[in-house]
N, C-alpha and C. Protein backbone atom coordinates (compact mmCIF):
# COMPACT_ATOMS: atom_id res chain seq x y z
N MET A 1 121.43 35.28 -125.85
CA MET A 1 123.05 34.12 -126.10
C MET A 1 123.38 34.16 -127.59
N LYS A 2 124.19 34.04 -127.64
CA LYS A 2 124.96 34.41 -128.66
C LYS A 2 126.30 32.70 -128.66
N THR A 3 125.91 32.41 -130.11
CA THR A 3 126.59 31.21 -130.80
C THR A 3 128.03 31.76 -131.33
N VAL A 4 128.31 30.52 -130.59
CA VAL A 4 130.35 30.36 -130.91
C VAL A 4 130.01 29.48 -131.46
N THR A 5 131.67 29.43 -132.85
CA THR A 5 131.56 28.38 -133.17
C THR A 5 133.49 28.35 -132.77
N LEU A 6 133.56 26.70 -132.49
CA LEU A 6 134.66 26.24 -131.51
C LEU A 6 135.58 25.71 -132.28
N ARG A 7 137.17 26.00 -132.42
CA ARG A 7 138.59 25.13 -132.39
C ARG A 7 138.77 24.68 -131.26
N ILE A 8 138.53 22.79 -131.44
CA ILE A 8 139.20 22.45 -130.34
C ILE A 8 140.73 21.37 -130.38
N GLU A 9 141.80 21.79 -129.51
CA GLU A 9 142.52 21.14 -129.53
C GLU A 9 142.45 19.32 -129.88
N ASP A 10 143.34 18.89 -130.92
CA ASP A 10 143.04 17.43 -131.62
C ASP A 10 143.20 16.19 -130.32
N SER A 11 144.06 17.26 -129.38
CA SER A 11 144.89 16.03 -127.77
C SER A 11 143.34 15.81 -127.11
N ILE A 12 142.26 16.77 -126.93
CA ILE A 12 141.06 17.11 -126.22
C ILE A 12 140.85 15.72 -126.18
N ASP A 13 140.58 14.45 -124.70
CA ASP A 13 139.11 13.81 -125.12
C ASP A 13 138.24 14.19 -125.48
N GLU A 14 137.90 13.51 -126.05
CA GLU A 14 135.69 13.81 -127.19
C GLU A 14 134.83 14.07 -125.62
N LYS A 15 135.36 13.21 -124.54
CA LYS A 15 134.37 12.84 -123.77
C LYS A 15 134.66 13.94 -122.53
N PHE A 16 135.93 14.71 -122.26
CA PHE A 16 136.84 15.57 -120.93
C PHE A 16 135.13 16.76 -121.71
N ARG A 17 134.82 17.08 -120.49
CA ARG A 17 133.50 18.80 -120.92
C ARG A 17 134.24 19.76 -119.99
N HIS A 18 135.48 19.66 -119.37
CA HIS A 18 135.93 20.70 -119.29
C HIS A 18 137.17 21.03 -119.68
N PHE A 19 137.16 22.01 -120.79
CA PHE A 19 138.10 22.73 -121.00
C PHE A 19 138.83 23.11 -120.82
N PRO A 20 140.53 23.49 -120.39
CA PRO A 20 141.47 25.26 -119.99
C PRO A 20 141.14 26.02 -121.16
N PRO A 21 141.37 26.78 -121.20
CA PRO A 21 141.40 28.13 -121.52
C PRO A 21 142.41 27.81 -123.14
N GLU A 22 142.88 28.08 -122.35
CA GLU A 22 144.37 27.42 -124.48
C GLU A 22 143.94 26.50 -124.49
N ALA A 23 142.33 25.51 -124.77
CA ALA A 23 142.36 25.29 -125.25
C ALA A 23 141.60 25.46 -126.34
N VAL A 24 140.57 26.27 -126.10
CA VAL A 24 139.57 27.00 -126.86
C VAL A 24 139.53 28.77 -127.43
N GLU A 25 139.69 28.00 -128.81
CA GLU A 25 139.69 29.70 -129.35
C GLU A 25 139.25 29.86 -130.16
N ILE A 26 138.08 31.13 -129.56
CA ILE A 26 137.10 31.79 -131.05
C ILE A 26 137.29 31.85 -131.86
N LEU A 27 136.70 31.89 -132.69
CA LEU A 27 137.20 31.68 -134.44
C LEU A 27 135.92 32.57 -134.66
N GLU A 28 134.71 32.53 -135.06
CA GLU A 28 134.31 33.08 -135.41
C GLU A 28 132.22 33.75 -134.26
N GLN A 29 131.65 34.85 -134.22
CA GLN A 29 130.95 34.70 -133.57
C GLN A 29 129.22 35.52 -134.15
N PRO A 30 128.91 34.65 -134.82
CA PRO A 30 128.10 35.10 -135.48
C PRO A 30 126.53 35.81 -135.25
N GLU A 31 126.49 36.76 -135.37
CA GLU A 31 125.65 37.58 -135.08
C GLU A 31 123.99 36.19 -134.63
N TYR A 32 123.68 37.35 -133.49
CA TYR A 32 122.33 36.32 -132.57
C TYR A 32 120.43 36.84 -133.88
N MET A 33 120.19 35.46 -134.02
CA MET A 33 118.20 36.12 -134.02
C MET A 33 118.01 35.78 -133.36
N SER A 34 117.38 35.75 -133.09
CA SER A 34 116.05 35.08 -132.24
C SER A 34 114.83 35.01 -133.07
N ASP A 35 114.40 34.16 -132.33
CA ASP A 35 113.21 32.95 -133.38
C ASP A 35 112.27 34.10 -134.09
N ASP A 36 111.67 34.66 -133.21
CA ASP A 36 111.26 36.44 -133.56
C ASP A 36 111.61 36.53 -134.86
N GLU A 37 111.92 37.10 -134.53
CA GLU A 37 113.28 38.23 -135.42
C GLU A 37 113.71 36.36 -136.48
N TYR A 38 114.34 35.26 -136.60
CA TYR A 38 114.13 34.10 -137.68
C TYR A 38 113.14 34.58 -138.16
N LEU A 39 112.07 34.79 -137.83
CA LEU A 39 110.44 33.78 -138.09
C LEU A 39 109.81 35.91 -139.42
N ARG A 40 109.88 36.77 -138.86
CA ARG A 40 110.11 37.28 -139.20
C ARG A 40 110.50 38.16 -140.87
N SER A 41 111.55 36.52 -140.40
CA SER A 41 113.06 37.69 -141.50
C SER A 41 112.56 36.52 -143.26
N ILE A 42 111.65 35.14 -142.28
CA ILE A 42 110.80 35.13 -143.75
C ILE A 42 109.65 35.15 -144.34
N PRO A 43 109.80 35.33 -145.88
CA PRO A 43 109.15 35.73 -146.73
C PRO A 43 107.29 35.47 -146.43
N GLY A 44 106.23 36.13 -145.36
CA GLY A 44 105.51 35.69 -145.94
C GLY A 44 104.55 35.11 -143.95
N MET A 45 105.81 34.45 -143.40
CA MET A 45 105.11 33.96 -142.27
C MET A 45 104.68 34.57 -140.97
N VAL A 46 104.54 36.59 -141.07
CA VAL A 46 103.79 36.86 -140.51
C VAL A 46 102.79 37.53 -140.60
N ASP A 47 102.97 37.61 -142.16
CA ASP A 47 100.94 37.13 -142.81
C ASP A 47 100.72 35.37 -142.43
N SER A 48 100.95 34.49 -143.16
CA SER A 48 100.49 33.15 -142.59
C SER A 48 99.83 32.72 -141.29
N ILE A 49 101.03 34.12 -140.15
CA ILE A 49 100.30 33.50 -138.52
C ILE A 49 99.39 34.25 -138.03
N ARG A 50 99.09 35.25 -139.09
CA ARG A 50 97.56 36.14 -138.77
C ARG A 50 97.03 35.40 -138.99
N ALA A 51 97.01 34.97 -140.33
CA ALA A 51 96.07 33.90 -141.06
C ALA A 51 95.59 33.01 -140.51
N ALA A 52 96.76 32.39 -139.59
CA ALA A 52 96.33 31.24 -139.27
C ALA A 52 95.28 31.51 -138.00
N ARG A 53 95.44 31.77 -137.31
CA ARG A 53 95.24 33.18 -135.90
C ARG A 53 93.73 33.44 -136.11
N ALA A 54 93.39 34.32 -136.91
CA ALA A 54 91.97 34.21 -137.43
C ALA A 54 91.25 32.45 -137.70
N GLU A 55 91.85 32.25 -138.09
CA GLU A 55 90.71 30.83 -138.65
C GLU A 55 89.93 30.43 -137.31
N PRO A 56 88.78 30.32 -137.78
CA PRO A 56 87.29 29.64 -136.14
C PRO A 56 88.42 28.26 -135.92
N ASP A 57 87.91 28.35 -134.28
CA ASP A 57 88.10 26.79 -133.37
C ASP A 57 88.26 26.04 -134.54
N ASP A 58 86.94 26.00 -135.16
CA ASP A 58 85.76 24.69 -134.94
C ASP A 58 86.67 24.59 -136.66
N ARG A 59 87.71 25.09 -137.66
CA ARG A 59 88.58 24.25 -138.02
C ARG A 59 89.50 23.69 -137.86
N GLY A 60 90.36 23.64 -135.96
CA GLY A 60 91.15 23.24 -136.40
C GLY A 60 91.14 22.02 -136.13
N VAL A 61 92.35 21.01 -135.46
CA VAL A 61 91.74 20.01 -135.25
C VAL A 61 92.63 19.62 -133.30
N SER A 62 91.38 19.15 -132.53
CA SER A 62 91.95 18.46 -131.33
C SER A 62 93.79 17.92 -131.37
N LEU A 63 94.23 18.11 -130.36
CA LEU A 63 95.09 17.20 -129.76
C LEU A 63 94.82 15.33 -130.04
N ASP A 64 93.63 15.55 -129.73
CA ASP A 64 93.37 13.46 -129.56
C ASP A 64 94.03 13.62 -130.94
N LYS A 65 93.56 13.85 -132.04
CA LYS A 65 93.35 13.77 -133.36
C LYS A 65 94.58 13.47 -134.82
N LEU A 66 95.31 14.03 -133.77
CA LEU A 66 96.94 14.24 -133.89
C LEU A 66 97.47 13.12 -133.85
N ASP A 67 98.32 12.51 -135.22
CA ASP A 67 99.03 11.42 -135.09
C ASP A 67 100.26 12.00 -134.49
N TRP A 68 100.52 11.65 -133.16
CA TRP A 68 102.21 12.20 -132.80
C TRP A 68 103.07 11.06 -132.65
């Protein structure tokens, strides 16, 4: 999946979902980064996940105790 930035003609109604090809111009195609790549790019994230995974289950919180 790629993320693209689009410029849409002002005359196009905001609620109109199907644009003719000439109404849309691709301005930029940034490099796609998967969730895994993104998380690995955060300093210390891999070590933090490994440490959390190594914690004993009894230190965790059960779903019924979460305030969602």
